[in-house]
Structures are given as structure tokens and as C-alpha cells.
Protein backbone atom coordinates (compact mmCIF):
# COMPACT_ATOMS: atom_id res chain seq x y z
CA MET A 1 -7.04 21.03 0.13
CA SER A 2 -9.56 19.47 -2.20
CA THR A 3 -10.82 16.01 -1.36
CA SER A 4 -12.26 15.06 -4.73
CA GLY A 5 -10.15 12.52 -6.61
CA GLU A 6 -7.66 11.84 -3.86
CA HIS A 7 -6.66 8.34 -2.88
CA GLY A 8 -7.35 6.92 0.57
CA TYR A 9 -7.95 9.51 3.23
CA PRO A 10 -8.55 12.95 1.69
CA ASP A 11 -7.74 16.34 3.17
CA THR A 12 -4.80 14.86 5.08
CA GLY A 13 -2.04 15.54 2.58
CA GLN A 14 -3.00 12.54 0.48
CA THR A 15 -1.83 12.03 -3.04
CA ARG A 16 -4.12 12.98 -5.90
CA THR A 17 -5.47 10.28 -8.20
CA HIS A 18 -5.71 11.47 -11.82
CA LEU A 19 -8.85 10.34 -13.60
CA PRO A 20 -9.54 10.29 -17.35
CA GLY A 21 -9.94 13.65 -19.04
CA GLY A 22 -6.39 14.69 -19.71
CA ASP A 23 -2.84 13.44 -19.84
CA PRO A 24 -2.27 11.90 -16.36
CA TYR A 25 1.45 12.26 -16.72
CA GLY A 26 1.58 16.00 -17.20
CA GLY A 27 2.03 15.98 -20.94
CA ALA A 28 5.33 14.13 -20.79
CA PRO A 29 5.80 12.13 -24.00
CA ARG A 30 5.82 8.38 -23.58
CA ARG A 31 8.66 6.49 -25.16
CA THR A 32 7.82 4.26 -28.11
CA PRO A 33 9.22 0.76 -27.58
CA ARG A 34 11.70 -0.46 -30.15
CA SER A 35 11.45 -3.98 -31.49
CA SER A 36 15.24 -4.43 -31.40
CA SER A 37 15.34 -3.40 -27.74
CA ARG A 38 12.53 -5.81 -26.87
CA SER A 39 14.36 -8.63 -28.69
CA LEU A 40 17.51 -7.92 -26.70
CA ILE A 41 15.54 -7.84 -23.44
CA THR A 42 13.93 -11.17 -24.33
CA VAL A 43 17.32 -12.78 -25.00
CA VAL A 44 18.78 -11.40 -21.76
CA GLY A 45 15.71 -12.56 -19.85
CA VAL A 46 16.08 -16.11 -21.18
CA VAL A 47 19.76 -16.19 -20.21
CA VAL A 48 18.95 -14.92 -16.70
CA LEU A 49 16.24 -17.54 -16.25
CA LEU A 50 18.60 -20.27 -17.47
CA ILE A 51 21.28 -19.22 -14.99
CA ALA A 52 18.70 -19.11 -12.19
CA ALA A 53 17.45 -22.59 -13.11
CA ILE A 54 20.99 -24.02 -13.03
CA ALA A 55 21.67 -22.38 -9.67
CA PHE A 56 18.41 -23.74 -8.26
CA ALA A 57 19.18 -27.28 -9.48
CA ASN A 58 22.64 -27.22 -7.92
CA ARG A 59 21.75 -25.49 -4.65
CA ASP A 60 22.82 -26.94 -1.30
CA ASN A 61 19.85 -28.76 0.23
CA SER A 62 21.51 -29.27 3.59
CA THR A 63 19.56 -26.42 5.18
CA THR A 64 15.83 -26.09 5.67
CA PRO A 65 13.92 -23.41 3.68
CA ASN A 66 13.46 -21.24 6.78
CA THR A 67 17.03 -21.62 8.04
CA PRO A 68 19.49 -19.67 5.87
CA ALA A 69 23.04 -20.97 5.72
CA LYS A 70 25.47 -19.05 7.90
CA GLY A 71 29.17 -18.53 7.43
CA PRO A 72 31.94 -15.96 7.53
CA ASN A 73 31.43 -15.09 3.86
CA GLN A 74 27.67 -14.60 4.09
CA PRO A 75 26.84 -11.02 3.03
CA ALA A 76 25.00 -8.76 5.44
CA ALA A 77 21.41 -7.84 4.61
CA ALA A 78 21.01 -4.59 2.71
CA PRO A 79 19.07 -1.79 4.44
CA THR A 80 16.15 -2.30 2.08
CA ALA A 81 16.08 -6.09 2.35
CA ALA A 82 13.42 -7.94 4.30
CA SER A 83 14.50 -8.77 7.85
CA GLY A 84 12.84 -12.17 7.85
CA THR A 85 10.87 -11.31 10.97
CA THR A 86 7.71 -13.42 11.24
CA PRO A 87 4.47 -11.38 10.85
CA VAL A 88 2.50 -10.87 14.02
CA PRO A 89 -0.13 -13.57 14.67
CA THR A 90 -2.71 -11.27 16.27
CA THR A 91 -5.29 -8.96 14.72
CA GLU A 92 -7.93 -6.49 15.86
CA ASN A 93 -10.81 -5.64 13.54
CA GLY A 94 -8.90 -7.48 10.81
CA ILE A 95 -5.78 -5.32 11.24
CA PRO A 96 -2.45 -6.83 12.41
CA THR A 97 -1.53 -5.61 15.91
CA HIS A 98 0.82 -6.19 18.87
CA PHE A 99 4.06 -5.53 17.08
CA PRO A 100 7.46 -5.93 18.79
CA HIS A 101 8.85 -3.00 20.79
CA THR A 102 11.69 -2.57 18.29
CA GLN A 103 12.51 -0.42 15.27
CA GLN A 104 11.51 -3.28 12.97
CA GLY A 105 8.26 -3.59 14.89
CA ALA A 106 7.55 0.10 14.31
CA GLU A 107 8.21 -0.28 10.59
CA SER A 108 5.93 -3.32 10.38
CA ALA A 109 3.19 -1.47 12.25
CA ALA A 110 3.46 1.54 9.93
CA ALA A 111 3.26 -0.65 6.80
CA ASN A 112 0.16 -2.50 8.02
CA TYR A 113 -1.51 0.68 9.25
CA ALA A 114 -0.92 2.27 5.83
CA VAL A 115 -2.87 -0.61 4.27
CA ALA A 116 -5.75 -0.08 6.72
CA LEU A 117 -5.88 3.69 6.20
CA GLY A 118 -5.97 3.22 2.43
CA SER A 119 -8.67 0.54 2.41
CA ALA A 120 -12.25 0.65 1.15
CA GLU A 121 -13.41 0.44 4.79
CA MET A 122 -12.45 4.09 5.24
CA PHE A 123 -15.39 5.16 3.07
CA ASN A 124 -17.96 3.77 5.52
CA LYS A 125 -18.48 5.61 8.82
CA ALA A 126 -18.79 2.56 11.10
CA LYS A 127 -15.90 0.70 9.50
CA ARG A 128 -13.73 3.83 9.45
CA ASP A 129 -14.26 4.38 13.17
CA SER A 130 -13.23 0.77 13.78
CA VAL A 131 -10.02 1.25 11.78
CA LEU A 132 -9.11 4.41 13.66
CA GLN A 133 -9.91 2.76 16.99
CA THR A 134 -7.35 0.09 16.12
CA VAL A 135 -4.46 2.09 14.66
CA MET A 136 -4.55 5.42 16.54
CA ILE A 137 -3.19 6.09 20.00
CA PRO A 138 -6.18 6.15 22.41
CA SER A 139 -5.91 9.87 23.14
CA ARG A 140 -6.19 10.65 19.40
CA VAL A 141 -9.05 8.34 18.41
CA LYS A 142 -11.94 10.79 18.89
CA SER A 143 -10.21 13.74 17.23
CA SER A 144 -9.11 11.52 14.33
CA GLN A 145 -12.66 10.27 13.84
CA THR A 146 -13.90 13.86 13.71
CA GLU A 147 -11.21 14.85 11.20
CA MET A 148 -11.97 11.90 8.96
CA ASP A 149 -15.73 12.56 9.13
CA GLU A 150 -15.03 16.02 7.74
CA ALA A 151 -13.00 14.52 4.90
CA TYR A 152 -15.04 11.44 3.98
CA THR A 153 -18.31 13.26 3.40
CA SER A 154 -21.36 11.98 1.57
CA SER A 155 -20.61 14.32 -1.33
CA PHE A 156 -17.05 12.99 -1.55
CA ASN A 157 -18.32 9.41 -1.75
CA GLN A 158 -20.83 10.39 -4.42
CA SER A 159 -18.10 12.09 -6.45
CA LEU A 160 -16.43 8.67 -6.68
CA GLY A 161 -19.66 7.02 -7.80
CA LEU A 162 -20.46 5.52 -4.37
CA SER A 163 -23.53 5.79 -2.20
CA THR A 164 -23.46 8.12 0.79
CA ASP A 165 -22.33 5.24 3.02
CA GLY A 166 -19.53 4.15 0.68
CA ALA A 167 -21.26 1.28 -1.13
CA ALA A 168 -20.61 0.58 -4.81
CA PRO A 169 -23.56 0.63 -7.23
CA ALA A 170 -25.01 -2.67 -8.43
CA GLY A 171 -22.79 -4.34 -11.02
CA SER A 172 -19.65 -2.47 -9.92
CA THR A 173 -16.79 -3.20 -7.53
CA PHE A 174 -15.21 -0.42 -5.50
CA VAL A 175 -11.42 -0.71 -5.29
CA SER A 176 -9.30 1.09 -2.71
CA ARG A 177 -6.07 -0.72 -1.90
CA THR A 178 -2.68 0.38 -0.63
CA SER A 179 0.44 -1.75 -1.09
CA PRO A 180 3.58 -0.77 0.86
CA ILE A 181 6.76 -0.94 -1.25
CA GLY A 182 9.20 -0.13 1.54
CA THR A 183 9.66 1.58 4.90
CA LYS A 184 12.22 3.98 6.34
CA VAL A 185 12.69 5.20 9.90
CA THR A 186 13.41 8.92 9.95
CA GLY A 187 13.07 9.51 13.69
CA PRO A 188 14.00 6.52 15.86
CA GLY A 189 13.50 6.51 19.61
CA ASP A 190 12.83 4.17 22.51
CA ASP A 191 9.08 4.75 22.74
CA THR A 192 8.48 6.87 19.63
CA ALA A 193 9.36 6.47 15.97
CA THR A 194 8.72 8.37 12.76
CA VAL A 195 8.32 5.97 9.84
CA ALA A 196 7.87 6.78 6.16
CA VAL A 197 6.05 4.16 4.07
CA TRP A 198 6.44 4.27 0.29
CA CYS A 199 3.23 2.94 -1.28
CA SER A 200 1.41 2.17 -4.49
CA GLY A 201 -2.35 2.51 -4.46
CA LEU A 202 -5.44 1.60 -6.46
CA LEU A 203 -8.65 3.62 -6.43
CA GLY A 204 -11.79 3.58 -8.51
CA LEU A 205 -14.90 1.73 -9.59
CA ALA A 206 -14.57 -1.41 -11.69
CA GLY A 207 -17.75 -1.76 -13.72
CA ALA A 208 -19.05 -1.55 -17.27
CA LYS A 209 -20.75 1.79 -16.62
CA SER A 210 -18.11 3.29 -14.35
CA THR A 211 -17.01 6.86 -15.02
CA ASN A 212 -14.25 6.51 -12.40
CA PRO A 213 -12.16 3.52 -13.54
CA VAL A 214 -9.52 2.02 -11.26
CA THR A 215 -6.28 3.99 -11.49
CA ASN A 216 -2.85 3.65 -9.91
CA SER A 217 -0.99 6.21 -7.79
CA TRP A 218 2.28 6.41 -5.85
CA PHE A 219 2.69 8.18 -2.52
CA THR A 220 4.57 8.20 0.76
CA ILE A 221 2.78 8.13 4.12
CA THR A 222 4.73 9.41 7.12
CA MET A 223 3.56 8.31 10.56
CA LYS A 224 4.68 9.35 14.01
CA LEU A 225 4.20 6.31 16.24
CA GLN A 226 4.25 5.88 20.00
CA TRP A 227 4.58 2.74 22.10
CA ALA A 228 1.39 2.57 24.14
CA ALA A 229 -0.40 -0.30 25.95
CA GLY A 230 1.97 -2.89 24.51
CA ASP A 231 1.78 -1.86 20.85
CA TRP A 232 2.82 0.78 18.34
CA LYS A 233 0.03 3.28 17.64
CA ILE A 234 -0.23 6.35 15.40
CA ILE A 235 -0.02 9.84 16.90
CA THR A 236 -0.13 11.72 13.57
CA HIS A 237 0.13 10.84 9.90
CA SER A 238 0.49 12.75 6.64
CA GLN A 239 0.98 11.96 2.97
CA GLN A 240 2.79 13.32 -0.06
CA GLU A 241 2.94 12.31 -3.71
CA GLY A 242 5.59 9.97 -5.10
CA PRO A 243 8.20 8.85 -5.71
CA ALA A 244 6.57 7.54 -8.89
CA PRO A 245 8.32 5.38 -11.53
CA VAL A 246 8.15 5.98 -15.27
CA PRO A 247 4.85 4.42 -16.45
CA GLY A 248 5.18 1.25 -18.45
CA ASP A 249 3.34 0.05 -21.53
CA ASP A 250 0.95 -2.30 -19.73
CA LYS A 251 -2.45 -2.73 -21.33
CA ALA A 252 -5.28 -1.80 -18.98
CA SER A 253 -7.47 -4.72 -17.95
CA SER A 254 -11.19 -4.79 -18.57
CA ALA A 255 -13.65 -3.84 -15.84
CA ASP A 256 -14.71 -7.48 -15.49
CA ASP A 257 -11.13 -8.68 -15.10
CA MET A 258 -10.41 -5.99 -12.51
CA SER A 259 -13.54 -6.81 -10.48
CA LYS A 260 -12.76 -10.53 -10.54
CA THR A 261 -9.14 -9.97 -9.52
CA VAL A 262 -10.02 -7.74 -6.58
CA GLU A 263 -12.53 -10.26 -5.30
CA GLU A 264 -10.20 -13.27 -5.69
CA TYR A 265 -6.86 -11.86 -4.51
CA GLY A 266 -6.42 -11.18 -0.80
CA GLY A 267 -3.93 -8.89 0.91
CA PHE A 268 -0.91 -9.53 3.11
CA THR A 269 0.39 -8.96 6.61
CA TYR A 270 3.53 -6.86 6.22
CA ALA A 271 6.64 -7.42 8.33
CA ARG A 272 9.92 -5.54 8.04
């Protein structure tokens, strides 16, 4: 499988990032917005905000913000809703670790490991080895490092406009970020779990002279995890494209705005 133009870790089933030079949406026509539809949406949006404001003003303040009211009529959480579990307080090499030995813990681990595997650190040998040392099961660290070395080659970095060691050229900011949208356990077990993480990703160079501008992609990472040494660790992982939503009509930001945003906005610790 080709590595050029793929997001995150190439040659491992990763989704392909489409760069300028053709219709990135396969020639599918984009819908032209109608002014009447936008007016209706605006009116509906104002009504929704007004209702929300009234509800907020009349809410019951007898409970603390972190203690939801309980009662016989309280609806159960939907499968896709956040569990409310507090994120883990510990990190290794900047990556959240020591997740609970539960299904929710496995999902939280998979979400945070997806962020690490899709980060800019993966394009530098020393930083990549540190990431793999943290997220992989000990018996798979060395083989994973070898596999990634074969994927993240100097020529691959240069194809993205980076130096051989993954550094961005002067005046540019390299962006490689993965944001989990949701998680799903497809193979639960006591000491093993298979978790799929639906993600959105950013990849590219933000800079006035960049020929690889930052683009967005959607993909699903599937990880097989094992409970080892008091934490969930990855045995294997793979990636496939999508599911991807219909693209909107957002105006692309300038290179300067994108660089500033990436530098000013930090990431999150994800908990199921």
C-alpha cells in the first residue's frame, strides 16, 4: 500500500488524505445552498437558543454541577453518550495511561492511543519510538518500531514537505492531529478487548509557501488491546476510511490562521 499522502501512520491500513489537484470528493456535485433554507435554519436556530436560555434560567440549582439529579424518571444514558468517568490523572511520555480494568477503560485507552498514533511525533524517529513504547504491549514494541520505521521513511517525510527527521521548514507549521469522535467495543473480554475508534484527522503544512495545505480526513482505527502490567496496551491496530459526513460549505482558513490555531489550541484527555 502506498504511503504517500496518507494520514498518521502509513502502510498500516491508514486512510488516504486527498491533496489539491482534483476533486477530493470523487466528482460528486456539491449542493448549492438556498437563501430561503438558510433563513429558515436561522429562525429555527434562534428559537432553539431561546428555549435553551429559558430552560437554563429556570433549572434546579439544588444539585452541584458534577452531581446529576437522580430519580425514577431519569432516562438511562444512550450507548453513545459520555459515561462521565473522570480522565486518568497519570501520563507517560505525555500520553494518558493506567486506565481502569473495565470496558470503559479499554475504550478510553483506545481513544487516547489513537490521538498519539496520529500525532506529529510519529514523524520523528526518537519521538515515534517513545510513543510506541508507551502504547504497545511490551512484547510488540520492537516489532512495531521496525514496522513504523519502514513506513515513516525519509522520502515519505520529504513528500509531505518535511525534513528527513520530520521537522517543518522555516515559516511553516506541520499539523498532524487526530480527534476521536466515538468508540465502540466489538470484541469484549476480561483481559482483551477489540475497540473501534471513529476519528477525524488533520494533516498538512500550514505556511504561505506550502504545497501540502492542511486537509481533513475521516477514518476508523480498530485496536486489539490486552490488559498487561496494570494497563490496557495495544497488540495490533489497523485503519480504514470513513465513515465521512457530507462536506459543508465552510471557508478554508488562511495559512497564518491555521498555524496560529494549532499553536494556541491544546488537545484533550479522552474518557469514555
